[in-house]
Amino acid sequence: MNLETVIGLRQDLSASQLRAAAAREASTKLIMRLHALAELLEGDNKTTVARRLGVKLQTVRRWVVRYNSGGIDALVDRRRHARRPAPSASASPAPLATAATALRGQAVSGG
């Protein structure tokens, strides 16, 4: 079965409306996604669009699924969970801070 035909694209906006939405956007990634969807609406297949944009076919499929489920808003990059910041010296755990203070005292007193 060809996945090109299995995953359809919602039709509530035309290709020209998607391009107009892209013209109002600042995000380069979102602009690229909107143009890709416009090309699909105009009859290009996902494989052709993926090659033209230099992305994987699965990426274009993901954009289609996201657009179908939530429209243009769903194409905006989602926030990723940031890694925890590395602990700073001021945020060191109490036992470590106590040990560091004790060592500093020994170094100053020569002990």
C-alpha atoms as a PDB file:
ATOM      1  CA  MET A   1       0.000   0.000   0.000  1.00  0.00           C
ATOM      2  CA  ASN A   2       1.359   3.436  -0.907  1.00  0.00           C
ATOM      3  CA  LEU A   3       1.524   5.766   2.082  1.00  0.00           C
ATOM      4  CA  GLU A   4       1.299   8.764  -0.242  1.00  0.00           C
ATOM      5  CA  THR A   5      -2.410   8.092  -0.637  1.00  0.00           C
ATOM      6  CA  VAL A   6      -3.065   6.902   2.905  1.00  0.00           C
ATOM      7  CA  ILE A   7      -2.185  10.160   4.675  1.00  0.00           C
ATOM      8  CA  GLY A   8      -4.342  12.835   3.069  1.00  0.00           C
ATOM      9  CA  LEU A   9      -4.123  16.558   3.658  1.00  0.00           C
ATOM     10  CA  ARG A  10      -6.967  18.613   5.083  1.00  0.00           C
ATOM     11  CA  GLN A  11      -8.523  20.959   2.564  1.00  0.00           C
ATOM     12  CA  ASP A  12      -9.867  23.847   4.670  1.00  0.00           C
ATOM     13  CA  LEU A  13      -7.145  26.225   3.421  1.00  0.00           C
ATOM     14  CA  SER A  14      -5.968  26.513  -0.167  1.00  0.00           C
ATOM     15  CA  ALA A  15      -2.362  26.520  -1.302  1.00  0.00           C
ATOM     16  CA  SER A  16      -2.504  30.288  -1.824  1.00  0.00           C
ATOM     17  CA  GLN A  17      -3.904  30.782   1.690  1.00  0.00           C
ATOM     18  CA  LEU A  18      -1.071  28.702   3.152  1.00  0.00           C
ATOM     19  CA  ARG A  19       1.462  30.774   1.214  1.00  0.00           C
ATOM     20  CA  ALA A  20      -0.195  33.985   2.441  1.00  0.00           C
ATOM     21  CA  ALA A  21       0.060  32.669   6.018  1.00  0.00           C
ATOM     22  CA  ALA A  22       3.736  31.884   5.396  1.00  0.00           C
ATOM     23  CA  ALA A  23       4.325  35.474   4.236  1.00  0.00           C
ATOM     24  CA  ARG A  24       3.108  36.728   7.634  1.00  0.00           C
ATOM     25  CA  GLU A  25       5.369  34.422   9.630  1.00  0.00           C
ATOM     26  CA  ALA A  26       8.804  35.157  11.073  1.00  0.00           C
ATOM     27  CA  SER A  27       9.869  31.569  11.754  1.00  0.00           C
ATOM     28  CA  THR A  28      11.863  30.150   8.846  1.00  0.00           C
ATOM     29  CA  LYS A  29      10.919  26.611   9.831  1.00  0.00           C
ATOM     30  CA  LEU A  30       7.209  27.411   9.859  1.00  0.00           C
ATOM     31  CA  ILE A  31       7.484  29.186   6.503  1.00  0.00           C
ATOM     32  CA  MET A  32       9.138  26.093   5.006  1.00  0.00           C
ATOM     33  CA  ARG A  33       6.427  23.807   6.431  1.00  0.00           C
ATOM     34  CA  LEU A  34       3.618  25.979   5.085  1.00  0.00           C
ATOM     35  CA  HIS A  35       5.182  26.088   1.617  1.00  0.00           C
ATOM     36  CA  ALA A  36       5.626  22.301   1.711  1.00  0.00           C
ATOM     37  CA  LEU A  37       1.931  21.830   2.484  1.00  0.00           C
ATOM     38  CA  ALA A  38       0.992  24.287  -0.264  1.00  0.00           C
ATOM     39  CA  GLU A  39       3.029  22.221  -2.732  1.00  0.00           C
ATOM     40  CA  LEU A  40       1.224  19.072  -1.589  1.00  0.00           C
ATOM     41  CA  LEU A  41      -2.143  20.765  -2.115  1.00  0.00           C
ATOM     42  CA  GLU A  42      -1.035  21.722  -5.615  1.00  0.00           C
ATOM     43  CA  GLY A  43      -0.415  18.074  -6.446  1.00  0.00           C
ATOM     44  CA  ASP A  44       3.216  17.361  -5.621  1.00  0.00           C
ATOM     45  CA  ASN A  45       3.781  14.157  -3.693  1.00  0.00           C
ATOM     46  CA  LYS A  46       5.462  13.943  -0.309  1.00  0.00           C
ATOM     47  CA  THR A  47       8.594  12.302  -1.695  1.00  0.00           C
ATOM     48  CA  THR A  48       9.154  15.122  -4.195  1.00  0.00           C
ATOM     49  CA  VAL A  49       8.550  17.793  -1.558  1.00  0.00           C
ATOM     50  CA  ALA A  50      10.924  16.071   0.886  1.00  0.00           C
ATOM     51  CA  ARG A  51      13.695  15.880  -1.718  1.00  0.00           C
ATOM     52  CA  ARG A  52      13.208  19.499  -2.757  1.00  0.00           C
ATOM     53  CA  LEU A  53      13.463  20.686   0.850  1.00  0.00           C
ATOM     54  CA  GLY A  54      16.277  18.334   1.816  1.00  0.00           C
ATOM     55  CA  VAL A  55      14.314  16.640   4.590  1.00  0.00           C
ATOM     56  CA  LYS A  56      13.305  13.039   5.167  1.00  0.00           C
ATOM     57  CA  LEU A  57       9.995  11.758   3.844  1.00  0.00           C
ATOM     58  CA  GLN A  58       8.960  10.947   7.416  1.00  0.00           C
ATOM     59  CA  THR A  59       9.417  14.624   8.320  1.00  0.00           C
ATOM     60  CA  VAL A  60       6.958  15.712   5.633  1.00  0.00           C
ATOM     61  CA  ARG A  61       4.525  13.024   6.793  1.00  0.00           C
ATOM     62  CA  ARG A  62       4.832  14.329  10.352  1.00  0.00           C
ATOM     63  CA  TRP A  63       4.037  17.868   9.167  1.00  0.00           C
ATOM     64  CA  VAL A  64       0.932  16.562   7.398  1.00  0.00           C
ATOM     65  CA  VAL A  65      -0.254  14.704  10.493  1.00  0.00           C
ATOM     66  CA  ARG A  66       0.365  17.746  12.701  1.00  0.00           C
ATOM     67  CA  TYR A  67      -1.397  20.075  10.264  1.00  0.00           C
ATOM     68  CA  ASN A  68      -4.345  17.693   9.920  1.00  0.00           C
ATOM     69  CA  SER A  69      -4.760  17.472  13.676  1.00  0.00           C
ATOM     70  CA  GLY A  70      -4.366  21.131  14.600  1.00  0.00           C
ATOM     71  CA  GLY A  71      -4.004  23.376  11.566  1.00  0.00           C
ATOM     72  CA  ILE A  72      -1.233  25.927  11.223  1.00  0.00           C
ATOM     73  CA  ASP A  73      -0.836  26.271  14.997  1.00  0.00           C
ATOM     74  CA  ALA A  74       0.201  22.618  15.222  1.00  0.00           C
ATOM     75  CA  LEU A  75       3.130  23.271  12.862  1.00  0.00           C
ATOM     76  CA  VAL A  76       4.814  25.654  15.301  1.00  0.00           C
ATOM     77  CA  ASP A  77       7.788  24.032  17.031  1.00  0.00           C
ATOM     78  CA  ARG A  78       6.859  22.575  20.353  1.00  0.00           C
ATOM     79  CA  ARG A  79       8.903  23.496  23.366  1.00  0.00           C
ATOM     80  CA  ARG A  80      11.275  20.763  24.349  1.00  0.00           C
ATOM     81  CA  HIS A  81      12.070  19.929  27.904  1.00  0.00           C
ATOM     82  CA  ALA A  82      15.306  21.653  28.684  1.00  0.00           C
ATOM     83  CA  ARG A  83      18.061  19.829  30.431  1.00  0.00           C
ATOM     84  CA  ARG A  84      18.579  20.688  34.030  1.00  0.00           C
ATOM     85  CA  PRO A  85      21.174  23.400  34.372  1.00  0.00           C
ATOM     86  CA  ALA A  86      24.525  22.400  35.813  1.00  0.00           C
ATOM     87  CA  PRO A  87      24.710  23.160  39.513  1.00  0.00           C
ATOM     88  CA  SER A  88      26.445  26.419  40.303  1.00  0.00           C
ATOM     89  CA  ALA A  89      28.754  27.007  43.240  1.00  0.00           C
ATOM     90  CA  SER A  90      26.041  28.986  45.043  1.00  0.00           C
ATOM     91  CA  ALA A  91      23.569  26.131  44.615  1.00  0.00           C
ATOM     92  CA  SER A  92      25.809  23.365  45.918  1.00  0.00           C
ATOM     93  CA  PRO A  93      24.294  20.958  48.415  1.00  0.00           C
ATOM     94  CA  ALA A  94      24.800  21.798  52.087  1.00  0.00           C
ATOM     95  CA  PRO A  95      27.161  18.886  52.929  1.00  0.00           C
ATOM     96  CA  LEU A  96      29.385  19.738  49.990  1.00  0.00           C
ATOM     97  CA  ALA A  97      29.375  23.435  50.902  1.00  0.00           C
ATOM     98  CA  THR A  98      30.230  22.592  54.506  1.00  0.00           C
ATOM     99  CA  ALA A  99      33.102  20.338  53.424  1.00  0.00           C
ATOM    100  CA  ALA A 100      34.416  23.000  51.046  1.00  0.00           C
ATOM    101  CA  THR A 101      34.308  25.628  53.807  1.00  0.00           C
ATOM    102  CA  ALA A 102      36.140  23.297  56.195  1.00  0.00           C
ATOM    103  CA  LEU A 103      38.847  22.612  53.623  1.00  0.00           C
ATOM    104  CA  ARG A 104      39.264  26.318  52.977  1.00  0.00           C
ATOM    105  CA  GLY A 105      39.686  26.885  56.710  1.00  0.00           C
ATOM    106  CA  GLN A 106      42.365  24.184  56.889  1.00  0.00           C
ATOM    107  CA  ALA A 107      44.238  25.697  53.973  1.00  0.00           C
ATOM    108  CA  VAL A 108      44.200  29.169  55.565  1.00  0.00           C
ATOM    109  CA  SER A 109      45.275  27.922  58.988  1.00  0.00           C
ATOM    110  CA  GLY A 110      47.907  25.667  57.481  1.00  0.00           C
ATOM    111  CA  GLY A 111      46.308  22.542  58.899  1.00  0.00           C
END
